[in-house]
């Protein structure tokens, strides 16, 4: 059984690697910001693999997908699939800022958003993609979801204008649909600045400071502290900020 499981996992990983290559994804280290398994088979009964591609319309932004393949009690084996949008460059800047300028919460600083593939069709119970005895079906189902609702979700980050609009909304899986995610707000501001879009960064932050409801991870004091810290870090932001003030 162990040998069969290992062989099946390797088969799925190989098929996913080939299929995702056609969509521009290549194998990657984990991008979830926490200690996680790297690419390839991790044991005889489970594996975690990651694939990433650069977002053409937004420099220094990465789109990624992962697949956690494991044995379970219902289907024998299943795939938990996720999609991620992250910026390592923005995270590096944010890590230099004072703690009081950052939001609370457990999200990695460079994560703009993540979502389970299954969320788009089973919002309350995303679940797994069953493998059963047919890995071809599991891989085709993974790719069907990727090429459909997941790619549509990725399109929300396909350009600077889309990025700016998306930052003003709640993340799709958030329980609080009335408040923008404060981690994403900060990462977006920094990302816009790194891409020399200071006016857009200021417009987003000015809108956020005037927002009448903050996520529980944030507060007006923290948002103001971030605005000041970013003004000190980016002269172009400070200059554009004076035009608004």
C-alpha atoms as a PDB file:
ATOM      1  CA  UNK A   1       0.000   0.000   0.000  1.00  0.00           C
ATOM      2  CA  UNK A   2       2.815   2.375   0.875  1.00  0.00           C
ATOM      3  CA  UNK A   3       4.562   1.726  -2.437  1.00  0.00           C
ATOM      4  CA  UNK A   4       1.299   2.226  -4.343  1.00  0.00           C
ATOM      5  CA  UNK A   5       0.605   5.500  -2.519  1.00  0.00           C
ATOM      6  CA  UNK A   6       4.075   6.810  -3.273  1.00  0.00           C
ATOM      7  CA  UNK A   7       3.746   5.890  -6.928  1.00  0.00           C
ATOM      8  CA  UNK A   8       0.314   7.519  -7.161  1.00  0.00           C
ATOM      9  CA  UNK A   9       1.543  10.722  -5.513  1.00  0.00           C
ATOM     10  CA  UNK A  10       4.498  10.911  -7.874  1.00  0.00           C
ATOM     11  CA  UNK A  11       2.188  10.364 -10.822  1.00  0.00           C
ATOM     12  CA  UNK A  12      -0.115  13.193  -9.712  1.00  0.00           C
ATOM     13  CA  UNK A  13       2.807  15.563  -9.065  1.00  0.00           C
ATOM     14  CA  UNK A  14       4.261  14.790 -12.487  1.00  0.00           C
ATOM     15  CA  UNK A  15       0.953  15.345 -14.275  1.00  0.00           C
ATOM     16  CA  UNK A  16       0.293  18.577 -12.379  1.00  0.00           C
ATOM     17  CA  UNK A  17       3.772  19.846 -13.185  1.00  0.00           C
ATOM     18  CA  UNK A  18       3.257  19.244 -16.910  1.00  0.00           C
ATOM     19  CA  UNK A  19      -0.273  20.663 -16.969  1.00  0.00           C
ATOM     20  CA  UNK A  20       0.620  23.784 -14.971  1.00  0.00           C
ATOM     21  CA  UNK A  21       3.597  24.476 -17.227  1.00  0.00           C
ATOM     22  CA  UNK A  22       1.134  25.153 -20.051  1.00  0.00           C
ATOM     23  CA  UNK A  23      -0.358  27.943 -17.900  1.00  0.00           C
ATOM     24  CA  UNK A  24       3.021  29.513 -17.147  1.00  0.00           C
ATOM     25  CA  UNK A  25       3.568  28.004 -13.684  1.00  0.00           C
ATOM     26  CA  UNK A  26       6.898  26.480 -12.664  1.00  0.00           C
ATOM     27  CA  UNK A  27       7.812  24.581  -9.469  1.00  0.00           C
ATOM     28  CA  UNK A  28       8.437  26.868  -6.505  1.00  0.00           C
ATOM     29  CA  UNK A  29       9.302  26.874  -2.844  1.00  0.00           C
ATOM     30  CA  UNK A  30       6.298  27.430  -0.540  1.00  0.00           C
ATOM     31  CA  UNK A  31       4.974  30.990  -0.646  1.00  0.00           C
ATOM     32  CA  UNK A  32       2.547  30.873   2.282  1.00  0.00           C
ATOM     33  CA  UNK A  33       4.930  32.579   4.679  1.00  0.00           C
ATOM     34  CA  UNK A  34       5.028  29.706   7.139  1.00  0.00           C
ATOM     35  CA  UNK A  35       7.171  26.613   7.536  1.00  0.00           C
ATOM     36  CA  UNK A  36       5.870  24.161   4.984  1.00  0.00           C
ATOM     37  CA  UNK A  37       7.022  21.261   2.901  1.00  0.00           C
ATOM     38  CA  UNK A  38       8.800  22.024  -0.362  1.00  0.00           C
ATOM     39  CA  UNK A  39       8.123  20.632  -3.790  1.00  0.00           C
ATOM     40  CA  UNK A  40       7.994  16.920  -4.329  1.00  0.00           C
ATOM     41  CA  UNK A  41       6.945  13.928  -2.322  1.00  0.00           C
ATOM     42  CA  UNK A  42       7.359  14.366   1.427  1.00  0.00           C
ATOM     43  CA  UNK A  43       6.318  10.906   2.614  1.00  0.00           C
ATOM     44  CA  UNK A  44       4.656   7.758   1.368  1.00  0.00           C
ATOM     45  CA  UNK A  45       1.203   9.127   2.209  1.00  0.00           C
ATOM     46  CA  UNK A  46       1.307  12.873   1.470  1.00  0.00           C
ATOM     47  CA  UNK A  47       3.063  15.611  -0.471  1.00  0.00           C
ATOM     48  CA  UNK A  48       2.881  19.374  -0.778  1.00  0.00           C
ATOM     49  CA  UNK A  49       3.888  21.076  -4.028  1.00  0.00           C
ATOM     50  CA  UNK A  50       3.946  24.728  -5.114  1.00  0.00           C
ATOM     51  CA  UNK A  51       4.046  26.427  -8.514  1.00  0.00           C
ATOM     52  CA  UNK A  52       4.456  30.119  -9.306  1.00  0.00           C
ATOM     53  CA  UNK A  53       4.477  32.643 -12.132  1.00  0.00           C
ATOM     54  CA  UNK A  54       5.238  36.348 -12.299  1.00  0.00           C
ATOM     55  CA  UNK A  55       2.232  38.644 -12.835  1.00  0.00           C
ATOM     56  CA  UNK A  56       3.048  40.317 -16.156  1.00  0.00           C
ATOM     57  CA  UNK A  57       1.046  43.472 -15.498  1.00  0.00           C
ATOM     58  CA  UNK A  58       2.410  44.142 -11.994  1.00  0.00           C
ATOM     59  CA  UNK A  59       6.180  43.881 -11.495  1.00  0.00           C
ATOM     60  CA  UNK A  60       7.301  42.242  -8.245  1.00  0.00           C
ATOM     61  CA  UNK A  61       3.991  40.428  -7.776  1.00  0.00           C
ATOM     62  CA  UNK A  62       3.733  36.637  -7.912  1.00  0.00           C
ATOM     63  CA  UNK A  63       0.745  34.380  -8.531  1.00  0.00           C
ATOM     64  CA  UNK A  64       1.045  30.897  -7.066  1.00  0.00           C
ATOM     65  CA  UNK A  65      -0.910  27.685  -6.690  1.00  0.00           C
ATOM     66  CA  UNK A  66      -0.307  24.719  -4.451  1.00  0.00           C
ATOM     67  CA  UNK A  67      -1.549  21.185  -4.064  1.00  0.00           C
ATOM     68  CA  UNK A  68      -1.504  19.146  -0.886  1.00  0.00           C
ATOM     69  CA  UNK A  69      -1.987  15.490  -1.727  1.00  0.00           C
ATOM     70  CA  UNK A  70      -2.832  13.166   1.129  1.00  0.00           C
ATOM     71  CA  UNK A  71      -4.559   9.954   2.062  1.00  0.00           C
ATOM     72  CA  UNK A  72      -7.890  10.312   3.821  1.00  0.00           C
ATOM     73  CA  UNK A  73     -10.792   8.221   5.016  1.00  0.00           C
ATOM     74  CA  UNK A  74     -13.369   9.149   2.385  1.00  0.00           C
ATOM     75  CA  UNK A  75     -11.742   8.855  -1.024  1.00  0.00           C
ATOM     76  CA  UNK A  76      -8.477   7.077  -0.285  1.00  0.00           C
ATOM     77  CA  UNK A  77      -6.585  10.145  -1.428  1.00  0.00           C
ATOM     78  CA  UNK A  78      -7.482  13.777  -2.073  1.00  0.00           C
ATOM     79  CA  UNK A  79      -5.970  17.071  -3.229  1.00  0.00           C
ATOM     80  CA  UNK A  80      -6.426  20.297  -1.311  1.00  0.00           C
ATOM     81  CA  UNK A  81      -5.711  23.120  -3.765  1.00  0.00           C
ATOM     82  CA  UNK A  82      -5.031  26.782  -3.081  1.00  0.00           C
ATOM     83  CA  UNK A  83      -4.211  29.971  -4.988  1.00  0.00           C
ATOM     84  CA  UNK A  84      -2.057  32.809  -3.670  1.00  0.00           C
ATOM     85  CA  UNK A  85      -0.985  36.319  -4.646  1.00  0.00           C
ATOM     86  CA  UNK A  86       2.182  37.449  -2.858  1.00  0.00           C
ATOM     87  CA  UNK A  87       4.927  40.066  -3.074  1.00  0.00           C
ATOM     88  CA  UNK A  88       8.257  39.238  -1.488  1.00  0.00           C
ATOM     89  CA  UNK A  89       9.525  42.733  -2.336  1.00  0.00           C
ATOM     90  CA  UNK A  90       6.655  44.393  -0.468  1.00  0.00           C
ATOM     91  CA  UNK A  91       7.133  42.049   2.479  1.00  0.00           C
ATOM     92  CA  UNK A  92      10.809  42.998   2.744  1.00  0.00           C
ATOM     93  CA  UNK A  93       9.876  46.683   3.040  1.00  0.00           C
ATOM     94  CA  UNK A  94       7.037  46.083   5.486  1.00  0.00           C
ATOM     95  CA  UNK A  95       9.290  44.080   7.791  1.00  0.00           C
ATOM     96  CA  UNK A  96      11.424  47.195   8.261  1.00  0.00           C
ATOM     97  CA  UNK A  97       8.520  49.311   9.550  1.00  0.00           C
ATOM     98  CA  UNK A  98       7.604  49.843  13.225  1.00  0.00           C
ATOM     99  CA  UNK A  99       5.229  47.248  14.648  1.00  0.00           C
ATOM    100  CA  UNK A 100       2.679  49.921  15.546  1.00  0.00           C
ATOM    101  CA  UNK A 101       2.423  50.851  11.848  1.00  0.00           C
ATOM    102  CA  UNK A 102       1.394  47.341  10.863  1.00  0.00           C
ATOM    103  CA  UNK A 103      -1.927  45.623  11.326  1.00  0.00           C
ATOM    104  CA  UNK A 104      -2.533  42.836  13.779  1.00  0.00           C
ATOM    105  CA  UNK A 105      -3.448  39.370  12.558  1.00  0.00           C
ATOM    106  CA  UNK A 106      -1.579  36.311  11.405  1.00  0.00           C
ATOM    107  CA  UNK A 107      -1.283  36.965   7.661  1.00  0.00           C
ATOM    108  CA  UNK A 108       2.272  37.119   6.274  1.00  0.00           C
ATOM    109  CA  UNK A 109       3.071  40.743   5.385  1.00  0.00           C
ATOM    110  CA  UNK A 110       3.575  40.040   1.683  1.00  0.00           C
ATOM    111  CA  UNK A 111       0.375  38.090   1.133  1.00  0.00           C
ATOM    112  CA  UNK A 112      -2.269  40.039  -0.745  1.00  0.00           C
ATOM    113  CA  UNK A 113      -4.792  37.212  -0.778  1.00  0.00           C
ATOM    114  CA  UNK A 114      -5.249  33.450  -0.882  1.00  0.00           C
ATOM    115  CA  UNK A 115      -8.209  31.204  -1.613  1.00  0.00           C
ATOM    116  CA  UNK A 116      -9.061  27.519  -1.738  1.00  0.00           C
ATOM    117  CA  UNK A 117      -9.959  26.296  -5.239  1.00  0.00           C
ATOM    118  CA  UNK A 118     -13.118  24.650  -3.947  1.00  0.00           C
ATOM    119  CA  UNK A 119     -14.429  27.897  -2.446  1.00  0.00           C
ATOM    120  CA  UNK A 120     -15.768  29.030  -5.801  1.00  0.00           C
ATOM    121  CA  UNK A 121     -18.155  26.090  -6.096  1.00  0.00           C
ATOM    122  CA  UNK A 122     -18.677  25.082  -2.449  1.00  0.00           C
ATOM    123  CA  UNK A 123     -18.348  28.305  -0.494  1.00  0.00           C
ATOM    124  CA  UNK A 124     -19.119  26.827   2.926  1.00  0.00           C
ATOM    125  CA  UNK A 125     -17.215  23.572   2.435  1.00  0.00           C
ATOM    126  CA  UNK A 126     -14.391  23.887  -0.142  1.00  0.00           C
ATOM    127  CA  UNK A 127     -13.204  20.355   0.597  1.00  0.00           C
ATOM    128  CA  UNK A 128     -10.798  18.305  -1.489  1.00  0.00           C
ATOM    129  CA  UNK A 129     -10.563  17.078  -5.050  1.00  0.00           C
ATOM    130  CA  UNK A 130     -10.993  13.304  -4.781  1.00  0.00           C
ATOM    131  CA  UNK A 131      -8.347  11.165  -6.465  1.00  0.00           C
ATOM    132  CA  UNK A 132      -9.802   7.685  -5.992  1.00  0.00           C
ATOM    133  CA  UNK A 133      -8.366   5.272  -8.516  1.00  0.00           C
ATOM    134  CA  UNK A 134      -8.243   7.877 -11.300  1.00  0.00           C
ATOM    135  CA  UNK A 135      -5.464  10.477 -10.977  1.00  0.00           C
ATOM    136  CA  UNK A 136      -6.285  11.712 -14.501  1.00  0.00           C
ATOM    137  CA  UNK A 137      -9.676  12.897 -13.242  1.00  0.00           C
ATOM    138  CA  UNK A 138      -8.155  14.625 -10.216  1.00  0.00           C
ATOM    139  CA  UNK A 139      -5.604  16.506 -12.319  1.00  0.00           C
ATOM    140  CA  UNK A 140      -8.220  17.485 -14.913  1.00  0.00           C
ATOM    141  CA  UNK A 141     -10.517  18.752 -12.138  1.00  0.00           C
ATOM    142  CA  UNK A 142      -7.641  20.763 -10.645  1.00  0.00           C
ATOM    143  CA  UNK A 143      -6.955  22.333 -14.040  1.00  0.00           C
ATOM    144  CA  UNK A 144     -10.650  22.959 -14.713  1.00  0.00           C
ATOM    145  CA  UNK A 145     -10.916  24.993 -11.530  1.00  0.00           C
ATOM    146  CA  UNK A 146      -7.653  26.793 -12.238  1.00  0.00           C
ATOM    147  CA  UNK A 147      -8.593  27.763 -15.790  1.00  0.00           C
ATOM    148  CA  UNK A 148     -12.063  28.846 -14.697  1.00  0.00           C
ATOM    149  CA  UNK A 149     -12.817  30.587 -11.394  1.00  0.00           C
ATOM    150  CA  UNK A 150      -9.232  30.698 -10.125  1.00  0.00           C
ATOM    151  CA  UNK A 151      -7.920  32.494 -13.224  1.00  0.00           C
ATOM    152  CA  UNK A 152     -10.843  34.897 -12.946  1.00  0.00           C
ATOM    153  CA  UNK A 153      -9.813  35.549  -9.350  1.00  0.00           C
ATOM    154  CA  UNK A 154      -6.181  36.050 -10.425  1.00  0.00           C
ATOM    155  CA  UNK A 155      -7.381  38.664 -12.934  1.00  0.00           C
ATOM    156  CA  UNK A 156      -8.174  40.945  -9.963  1.00  0.00           C
ATOM    157  CA  UNK A 157      -4.393  41.392  -9.693  1.00  0.00           C
ATOM    158  CA  UNK A 158      -3.490  41.527 -13.384  1.00  0.00           C
ATOM    159  CA  UNK A 159      -2.721  45.256 -13.625  1.00  0.00           C
ATOM    160  CA  UNK A 160      -2.034  48.222 -11.375  1.00  0.00           C
ATOM    161  CA  UNK A 161      -5.574  49.531 -11.892  1.00  0.00           C
ATOM    162  CA  UNK A 162      -7.068  46.143 -10.969  1.00  0.00           C
ATOM    163  CA  UNK A 163      -4.739  45.935  -7.977  1.00  0.00           C
ATOM    164  CA  UNK A 164      -5.849  49.368  -6.800  1.00  0.00           C
ATOM    165  CA  UNK A 165      -9.541  48.513  -7.108  1.00  0.00           C
ATOM    166  CA  UNK A 166      -9.183  45.104  -5.476  1.00  0.00           C
ATOM    167  CA  UNK A 167      -7.390  46.556  -2.441  1.00  0.00           C
ATOM    168  CA  UNK A 168     -10.538  48.517  -1.572  1.00  0.00           C
ATOM    169  CA  UNK A 169     -12.640  45.373  -1.236  1.00  0.00           C
ATOM    170  CA  UNK A 170     -12.742  42.550   1.283  1.00  0.00           C
ATOM    171  CA  UNK A 171     -10.896  39.342   0.484  1.00  0.00           C
ATOM    172  CA  UNK A 172     -13.253  36.748  -0.971  1.00  0.00           C
ATOM    173  CA  UNK A 173     -13.103  34.358   1.987  1.00  0.00           C
ATOM    174  CA  UNK A 174     -13.242  37.013   4.702  1.00  0.00           C
ATOM    175  CA  UNK A 175     -16.034  36.819   7.256  1.00  0.00           C
ATOM    176  CA  UNK A 176     -16.030  40.627   7.282  1.00  0.00           C
ATOM    177  CA  UNK A 177     -17.178  41.699   3.827  1.00  0.00           C
ATOM    178  CA  UNK A 178     -17.478  45.368   4.801  1.00  0.00           C
ATOM    179  CA  UNK A 179     -13.820  46.049   5.560  1.00  0.00           C
ATOM    180  CA  UNK A 180     -10.775  45.847   3.281  1.00  0.00           C
ATOM    181  CA  UNK A 181      -7.993  43.574   4.468  1.00  0.00           C
ATOM    182  CA  UNK A 182      -5.397  45.760   6.239  1.00  0.00           C
ATOM    183  CA  UNK A 183      -2.471  43.507   5.308  1.00  0.00           C
ATOM    184  CA  UNK A 184      -3.415  43.738   1.632  1.00  0.00           C
ATOM    185  CA  UNK A 185      -3.859  47.521   1.883  1.00  0.00           C
ATOM    186  CA  UNK A 186      -0.324  47.951   3.198  1.00  0.00           C
ATOM    187  CA  UNK A 187       1.238  45.492   0.747  1.00  0.00           C
ATOM    188  CA  UNK A 188      -0.570  47.189  -2.143  1.00  0.00           C
ATOM    189  CA  UNK A 189       0.600  50.661  -1.097  1.00  0.00           C
ATOM    190  CA  UNK A 190       4.203  49.453  -0.943  1.00  0.00           C
ATOM    191  CA  UNK A 191       3.913  47.536  -4.206  1.00  0.00           C
ATOM    192  CA  UNK A 192       2.568  50.613  -5.997  1.00  0.00           C
ATOM    193  CA  UNK A 193       5.478  52.643  -4.649  1.00  0.00           C
ATOM    194  CA  UNK A 194       8.003  50.038  -5.741  1.00  0.00           C
ATOM    195  CA  UNK A 195       6.491  50.305  -9.214  1.00  0.00           C
ATOM    196  CA  UNK A 196       6.801  54.126  -9.154  1.00  0.00           C
ATOM    197  CA  UNK A 197       3.080  54.787  -8.813  1.00  0.00           C
ATOM    198  CA  UNK A 198       3.226  57.177  -5.872  1.00  0.00           C
ATOM    199  CA  UNK A 199       0.022  59.034  -6.784  1.00  0.00           C
ATOM    200  CA  UNK A 200      -1.938  55.776  -6.832  1.00  0.00           C
ATOM    201  CA  UNK A 201      -0.413  54.734  -3.511  1.00  0.00           C
ATOM    202  CA  UNK A 202      -1.394  58.050  -1.932  1.00  0.00           C
ATOM    203  CA  UNK A 203      -4.918  57.875  -3.382  1.00  0.00           C
ATOM    204  CA  UNK A 204      -5.399  54.411  -1.875  1.00  0.00           C
ATOM    205  CA  UNK A 205      -4.048  55.411   1.535  1.00  0.00           C
ATOM    206  CA  UNK A 206      -6.059  58.630   1.591  1.00  0.00           C
ATOM    207  CA  UNK A 207      -9.206  56.630   0.835  1.00  0.00           C
ATOM    208  CA  UNK A 208      -8.316  54.124   3.561  1.00  0.00           C
ATOM    209  CA  UNK A 209      -7.742  56.784   6.211  1.00  0.00           C
ATOM    210  CA  UNK A 210     -11.177  58.206   5.431  1.00  0.00           C
ATOM    211  CA  UNK A 211     -12.813  54.766   5.502  1.00  0.00           C
ATOM    212  CA  UNK A 212     -15.534  54.609   8.150  1.00  0.00           C
ATOM    213  CA  UNK A 213     -14.910  51.031   9.235  1.00  0.00           C
ATOM    214  CA  UNK A 214     -11.634  49.233   9.919  1.00  0.00           C
ATOM    215  CA  UNK A 215     -11.073  45.499  10.010  1.00  0.00           C
ATOM    216  CA  UNK A 216     -10.621  44.131  13.533  1.00  0.00           C
ATOM    217  CA  UNK A 217      -6.915  43.712  12.772  1.00  0.00           C
ATOM    218  CA  UNK A 218      -6.495  47.462  12.252  1.00  0.00           C
ATOM    219  CA  UNK A 219      -7.292  50.885  13.724  1.00  0.00           C
ATOM    220  CA  UNK A 220      -7.047  54.528  12.724  1.00  0.00           C
ATOM    221  CA  UNK A 221      -3.967  54.918  14.936  1.00  0.00           C
ATOM    222  CA  UNK A 222      -2.180  52.050  13.215  1.00  0.00           C
ATOM    223  CA  UNK A 223      -3.204  53.321   9.782  1.00  0.00           C
ATOM    224  CA  UNK A 224      -1.909  56.813  10.545  1.00  0.00           C
ATOM    225  CA  UNK A 225       1.352  55.355  11.876  1.00  0.00           C
ATOM    226  CA  UNK A 226       1.735  53.408   8.622  1.00  0.00           C
ATOM    227  CA  UNK A 227       1.086  56.544   6.570  1.00  0.00           C
ATOM    228  CA  UNK A 228       3.821  58.364   8.482  1.00  0.00           C
ATOM    229  CA  UNK A 229       6.266  55.459   8.246  1.00  0.00           C
ATOM    230  CA  UNK A 230       5.754  55.161   4.498  1.00  0.00           C
ATOM    231  CA  UNK A 231       6.211  58.929   4.087  1.00  0.00           C
ATOM    232  CA  UNK A 232       9.555  58.604   5.868  1.00  0.00           C
ATOM    233  CA  UNK A 233      10.576  55.587   3.799  1.00  0.00           C
ATOM    234  CA  UNK A 234       9.528  56.857   0.341  1.00  0.00           C
ATOM    235  CA  UNK A 235      10.224  60.526  -0.527  1.00  0.00           C
ATOM    236  CA  UNK A 236       8.014  60.223  -3.636  1.00  0.00           C
ATOM    237  CA  UNK A 237       5.102  59.210  -1.428  1.00  0.00           C
ATOM    238  CA  UNK A 238       5.719  62.121   0.949  1.00  0.00           C
ATOM    239  CA  UNK A 239       5.795  64.552  -1.976  1.00  0.00           C
ATOM    240  CA  UNK A 240       2.583  63.174  -3.495  1.00  0.00           C
ATOM    241  CA  UNK A 241       0.996  63.198  -0.045  1.00  0.00           C
ATOM    242  CA  UNK A 242       1.512  66.960   0.309  1.00  0.00           C
ATOM    243  CA  UNK A 243      -0.488  67.510  -2.877  1.00  0.00           C
ATOM    244  CA  UNK A 244      -3.444  65.673  -1.351  1.00  0.00           C
ATOM    245  CA  UNK A 245      -3.166  67.327   2.059  1.00  0.00           C
END
